[in-house]
Every structure is written in C-alpha cells, then in structure tokens.
Amino acid sequence: MVNLKASLGNLAIDGVDHLAAIIRNRLKRIQYRPDVIPEFLAQTGLSLETEPP
C-alpha cells in the first residue's frame, strides 16, 4: 500500500501551487482505490462498523 506521504518521497517543489497540484493528484489516485480505505482505518484503530446504541 502506498499512501500520500510515501508517494511524495523526497520531492523538490517549485512553490505552493506546485505542491498543491501534486497533492491533489495523489489524493485522486487514492480516491479510485477503495481497497486501501480499510488498511488506513486499521492503522487508526477505527472501524467502518457501527456500534449498537
């Protein structure tokens, strides 16, 4: 699994606009990979399951 931080690596940027464009691009990649959502949640200790009241 490659997350946003790992995909940026040691990146040299030309400014804030360049960085924002790169982050938008990486987030869009994640958007089309719903299989990674459970992996991210597992690292936080959160769950997609609702708890009974």
PDB file of N, CA and C in Angstrom:
ATOM      1  N   MET A   1       0.842  -1.176   0.000  1.00  0.00           N
ATOM      2  CA  MET A   1       0.000   0.000   0.000  1.00  0.00           C
ATOM      3  C   MET A   1       0.888   1.240   0.000  1.00  0.00           C
ATOM      4  N   VAL A   2       0.573   2.143  -0.915  1.00  0.00           N
ATOM      5  CA  VAL A   2       1.319   3.392  -0.986  1.00  0.00           C
ATOM      6  C   VAL A   2       0.394   4.511  -0.562  1.00  0.00           C
ATOM      7  N   ASN A   3       0.755   5.209   0.490  1.00  0.00           N
ATOM      8  CA  ASN A   3      -0.082   6.320   0.920  1.00  0.00           C
ATOM      9  C   ASN A   3       0.476   7.637   0.415  1.00  0.00           C
ATOM     10  N   LEU A   4      -0.212   8.707   0.705  1.00  0.00           N
ATOM     11  CA  LEU A   4       0.173  10.017   0.180  1.00  0.00           C
ATOM     12  C   LEU A   4       1.583  10.402   0.600  1.00  0.00           C
ATOM     13  N   LYS A   5       1.907  10.255   1.845  1.00  0.00           N
ATOM     14  CA  LYS A   5       3.225  10.653   2.342  1.00  0.00           C
ATOM     15  C   LYS A   5       4.327   9.850   1.655  1.00  0.00           C
ATOM     16  N   ALA A   6       4.137   8.559   1.537  1.00  0.00           N
ATOM     17  CA  ALA A   6       5.152   7.717   0.905  1.00  0.00           C
ATOM     18  C   ALA A   6       5.290   8.029  -0.581  1.00  0.00           C
ATOM     19  N   SER A   7       4.188   8.416  -1.236  1.00  0.00           N
ATOM     20  CA  SER A   7       4.263   8.682  -2.669  1.00  0.00           C
ATOM     21  C   SER A   7       4.978   9.991  -2.977  1.00  0.00           C
ATOM     22  N   LEU A   8       5.052  10.888  -1.990  1.00  0.00           N
ATOM     23  CA  LEU A   8       5.738  12.151  -2.222  1.00  0.00           C
ATOM     24  C   LEU A   8       7.249  12.007  -2.094  1.00  0.00           C
ATOM     25  N   GLY A   9       7.705  11.175  -1.189  1.00  0.00           N
ATOM     26  CA  GLY A   9       9.137  10.931  -1.026  1.00  0.00           C
ATOM     27  C   GLY A   9       9.932  12.209  -0.836  1.00  0.00           C
ATOM     28  N   ASN A  10      11.119  12.249  -1.392  1.00  0.00           N
ATOM     29  CA  ASN A  10      11.980  13.431  -1.338  1.00  0.00           C
ATOM     30  C   ASN A  10      11.717  14.268  -2.577  1.00  0.00           C
ATOM     31  N   LEU A  11      10.647  15.015  -2.550  1.00  0.00           N
ATOM     32  CA  LEU A  11      10.180  15.762  -3.699  1.00  0.00           C
ATOM     33  C   LEU A  11      10.650  17.206  -3.629  1.00  0.00           C
ATOM     34  N   ALA A  12      11.218  17.709  -4.720  1.00  0.00           N
ATOM     35  CA  ALA A  12      11.578  19.116  -4.819  1.00  0.00           C
ATOM     36  C   ALA A  12      10.439  19.835  -5.519  1.00  0.00           C
ATOM     37  N   ILE A  13       9.910  20.860  -4.885  1.00  0.00           N
ATOM     38  CA  ILE A  13       8.780  21.568  -5.475  1.00  0.00           C
ATOM     39  C   ILE A  13       9.176  22.992  -5.848  1.00  0.00           C
ATOM     40  N   ASP A  14       8.407  23.571  -6.767  1.00  0.00           N
ATOM     41  CA  ASP A  14       8.682  24.933  -7.224  1.00  0.00           C
ATOM     42  C   ASP A  14       7.883  25.987  -6.477  1.00  0.00           C
ATOM     43  N   GLY A  15       6.998  25.567  -5.596  1.00  0.00           N
ATOM     44  CA  GLY A  15       6.198  26.511  -4.830  1.00  0.00           C
ATOM     45  C   GLY A  15       4.946  25.857  -4.303  1.00  0.00           C
ATOM     46  N   VAL A  16       4.133  26.661  -3.639  1.00  0.00           N
ATOM     47  CA  VAL A  16       2.921  26.153  -3.011  1.00  0.00           C
ATOM     48  C   VAL A  16       1.945  25.613  -4.054  1.00  0.00           C
ATOM     49  N   ASP A  17       1.807  26.309  -5.174  1.00  0.00           N
ATOM     50  CA  ASP A  17       0.886  25.848  -6.221  1.00  0.00           C
ATOM     51  C   ASP A  17       1.307  24.494  -6.774  1.00  0.00           C
ATOM     52  N   HIS A  18       2.590  24.299  -6.963  1.00  0.00           N
ATOM     53  CA  HIS A  18       3.104  23.014  -7.454  1.00  0.00           C
ATOM     54  C   HIS A  18       2.828  21.912  -6.433  1.00  0.00           C
ATOM     55  N   LEU A  19       3.080  22.191  -5.167  1.00  0.00           N
ATOM     56  CA  LEU A  19       2.816  21.211  -4.109  1.00  0.00           C
ATOM     57  C   LEU A  19       1.334  20.865  -4.048  1.00  0.00           C
ATOM     58  N   ALA A  20       0.462  21.873  -4.126  1.00  0.00           N
ATOM     59  CA  ALA A  20      -0.980  21.632  -4.081  1.00  0.00           C
ATOM     60  C   ALA A  20      -1.420  20.757  -5.249  1.00  0.00           C
ATOM     61  N   ALA A  21      -0.875  20.990  -6.434  1.00  0.00           N
ATOM     62  CA  ALA A  21      -1.228  20.188  -7.608  1.00  0.00           C
ATOM     63  C   ALA A  21      -0.800  18.736  -7.421  1.00  0.00           C
ATOM     64  N   ILE A  22       0.376  18.522  -6.867  1.00  0.00           N
ATOM     65  CA  ILE A  22       0.866  17.164  -6.638  1.00  0.00           C
ATOM     66  C   ILE A  22      -0.003  16.448  -5.609  1.00  0.00           C
ATOM     67  N   ILE A  23      -0.359  17.137  -4.530  1.00  0.00           N
ATOM     68  CA  ILE A  23      -1.200  16.528  -3.502  1.00  0.00           C
ATOM     69  C   ILE A  23      -2.569  16.184  -4.064  1.00  0.00           C
ATOM     70  N   ARG A  24      -3.166  17.090  -4.849  1.00  0.00           N
ATOM     71  CA  ARG A  24      -4.462  16.785  -5.471  1.00  0.00           C
ATOM     72  C   ARG A  24      -4.361  15.543  -6.347  1.00  0.00           C
ATOM     73  N   ASN A  25      -3.282  15.443  -7.112  1.00  0.00           N
ATOM     74  CA  ASN A  25      -3.079  14.288  -7.990  1.00  0.00           C
ATOM     75  C   ASN A  25      -2.986  13.000  -7.187  1.00  0.00           C
ATOM     76  N   ARG A  26      -2.214  13.003  -6.103  1.00  0.00           N
ATOM     77  CA  ARG A  26      -2.049  11.800  -5.285  1.00  0.00           C
ATOM     78  C   ARG A  26      -3.351  11.422  -4.591  1.00  0.00           C
ATOM     79  N   LEU A  27      -4.109  12.414  -4.106  1.00  0.00           N
ATOM     80  CA  LEU A  27      -5.388  12.121  -3.459  1.00  0.00           C
ATOM     81  C   LEU A  27      -6.384  11.553  -4.463  1.00  0.00           C
ATOM     82  N   LYS A  28      -6.356  12.026  -5.683  1.00  0.00           N
ATOM     83  CA  LYS A  28      -7.236  11.489  -6.714  1.00  0.00           C
ATOM     84  C   LYS A  28      -6.912  10.021  -6.972  1.00  0.00           C
ATOM     85  N   ARG A  29      -5.634   9.661  -6.955  1.00  0.00           N
ATOM     86  CA  ARG A  29      -5.247   8.252  -7.122  1.00  0.00           C
ATOM     87  C   ARG A  29      -5.842   7.390  -6.014  1.00  0.00           C
ATOM     88  N   ILE A  30      -5.793   7.891  -4.782  1.00  0.00           N
ATOM     89  CA  ILE A  30      -6.336   7.148  -3.648  1.00  0.00           C
ATOM     90  C   ILE A  30      -7.852   7.021  -3.772  1.00  0.00           C
ATOM     91  N   GLN A  31      -8.503   8.063  -4.280  1.00  0.00           N
ATOM     92  CA  GLN A  31      -9.954   8.067  -4.437  1.00  0.00           C
ATOM     93  C   GLN A  31     -10.432   6.883  -5.262  1.00  0.00           C
ATOM     94  N   TYR A  32      -9.659   6.489  -6.244  1.00  0.00           N
ATOM     95  CA  TYR A  32     -10.050   5.392  -7.126  1.00  0.00           C
ATOM     96  C   TYR A  32      -9.517   4.041  -6.651  1.00  0.00           C
ATOM     97  N   ARG A  33      -9.060   3.982  -5.409  1.00  0.00           N
ATOM     98  CA  ARG A  33      -8.567   2.734  -4.822  1.00  0.00           C
ATOM     99  C   ARG A  33      -9.293   2.470  -3.504  1.00  0.00           C
ATOM    100  N   PRO A  34     -10.586   2.154  -3.555  1.00  0.00           N
ATOM    101  CA  PRO A  34     -11.338   1.950  -2.310  1.00  0.00           C
ATOM    102  C   PRO A  34     -10.802   0.798  -1.464  1.00  0.00           C
ATOM    103  N   ASP A  35     -10.011  -0.063  -2.057  1.00  0.00           N
ATOM    104  CA  ASP A  35      -9.440  -1.183  -1.308  1.00  0.00           C
ATOM    105  C   ASP A  35      -8.464  -0.731  -0.228  1.00  0.00           C
ATOM    106  N   VAL A  36      -7.921   0.484  -0.324  1.00  0.00           N
ATOM    107  CA  VAL A  36      -6.952   0.947   0.671  1.00  0.00           C
ATOM    108  C   VAL A  36      -7.614   1.538   1.909  1.00  0.00           C
ATOM    109  N   ILE A  37      -8.913   1.870   1.824  1.00  0.00           N
ATOM    110  CA  ILE A  37      -9.585   2.507   2.962  1.00  0.00           C
ATOM    111  C   ILE A  37      -9.542   1.637   4.215  1.00  0.00           C
ATOM    112  N   PRO A  38      -9.881   0.346   4.132  1.00  0.00           N
ATOM    113  CA  PRO A  38      -9.784  -0.485   5.350  1.00  0.00           C
ATOM    114  C   PRO A  38      -8.361  -0.545   5.923  1.00  0.00           C
ATOM    115  N   GLU A  39      -7.358  -0.498   5.061  1.00  0.00           N
ATOM    116  CA  GLU A  39      -5.973  -0.531   5.540  1.00  0.00           C
ATOM    117  C   GLU A  39      -5.637   0.736   6.319  1.00  0.00           C
ATOM    118  N   PHE A  40      -6.087   1.894   5.819  1.00  0.00           N
ATOM    119  CA  PHE A  40      -5.859   3.137   6.544  1.00  0.00           C
ATOM    120  C   PHE A  40      -6.589   3.122   7.879  1.00  0.00           C
ATOM    121  N   LEU A  41      -7.845   2.659   7.887  1.00  0.00           N
ATOM    122  CA  LEU A  41      -8.616   2.603   9.128  1.00  0.00           C
ATOM    123  C   LEU A  41      -7.999   1.642  10.132  1.00  0.00           C
ATOM    124  N   ALA A  42      -7.468   0.534   9.662  1.00  0.00           N
ATOM    125  CA  ALA A  42      -6.861  -0.443  10.565  1.00  0.00           C
ATOM    126  C   ALA A  42      -5.703   0.181  11.343  1.00  0.00           C
ATOM    127  N   GLN A  43      -4.985   1.091  10.707  1.00  0.00           N
ATOM    128  CA  GLN A  43      -3.846   1.735  11.371  1.00  0.00           C
ATOM    129  C   GLN A  43      -4.288   2.743  12.420  1.00  0.00           C
ATOM    130  N   THR A  44      -5.541   3.213  12.333  1.00  0.00           N
ATOM    131  CA  THR A  44      -6.035   4.204  13.295  1.00  0.00           C
ATOM    132  C   THR A  44      -6.762   3.569  14.467  1.00  0.00           C
ATOM    133  N   GLY A  45      -7.177   2.306  14.299  1.00  0.00           N
ATOM    134  CA  GLY A  45      -7.969   1.659  15.331  1.00  0.00           C
ATOM    135  C   GLY A  45      -9.460   1.916  15.161  1.00  0.00           C
ATOM    136  N   LEU A  46      -9.850   2.651  14.102  1.00  0.00           N
ATOM    137  CA  LEU A  46     -11.259   2.924  13.835  1.00  0.00           C
ATOM    138  C   LEU A  46     -11.866   1.793  13.032  1.00  0.00           C
ATOM    139  N   SER A  47     -13.189   1.777  12.915  1.00  0.00           N
ATOM    140  CA  SER A  47     -13.890   0.730  12.202  1.00  0.00           C
ATOM    141  C   SER A  47     -14.999   1.327  11.353  1.00  0.00           C
ATOM    142  N   LEU A  48     -15.352   0.648  10.269  1.00  0.00           N
ATOM    143  CA  LEU A  48     -16.481   1.056   9.439  1.00  0.00           C
ATOM    144  C   LEU A  48     -17.795   0.534  10.009  1.00  0.00           C
ATOM    145  N   GLU A  49     -17.725  -0.403  10.924  1.00  0.00           N
ATOM    146  CA  GLU A  49     -18.906  -0.991  11.534  1.00  0.00           C
ATOM    147  C   GLU A  49     -19.466  -0.041  12.594  1.00  0.00           C
ATOM    148  N   THR A  50     -20.788   0.107  12.613  1.00  0.00           N
ATOM    149  CA  THR A  50     -21.405   0.944  13.645  1.00  0.00           C
ATOM    150  C   THR A  50     -21.641   0.118  14.894  1.00  0.00           C
ATOM    151  N   GLU A  51     -21.481   0.752  16.038  1.00  0.00           N
ATOM    152  CA  GLU A  51     -21.699   0.076  17.307  1.00  0.00           C
ATOM    153  C   GLU A  51     -23.163   0.213  17.700  1.00  0.00           C
ATOM    154  N   PRO A  52     -23.740  -0.836  18.284  1.00  0.00           N
ATOM    155  CA  PRO A  52     -25.129  -0.734  18.733  1.00  0.00           C
ATOM    156  C   PRO A  52     -25.271   0.321  19.838  1.00  0.00           C
ATOM    157  N   PRO A  53     -26.439   0.975  19.894  1.00  0.00           N
ATOM    158  CA  PRO A  53     -26.635   2.024  20.924  1.00  0.00           C
ATOM    159  C   PRO A  53     -26.625   1.499  22.340  1.00  0.00           C
TER     160      PRO A  53
END
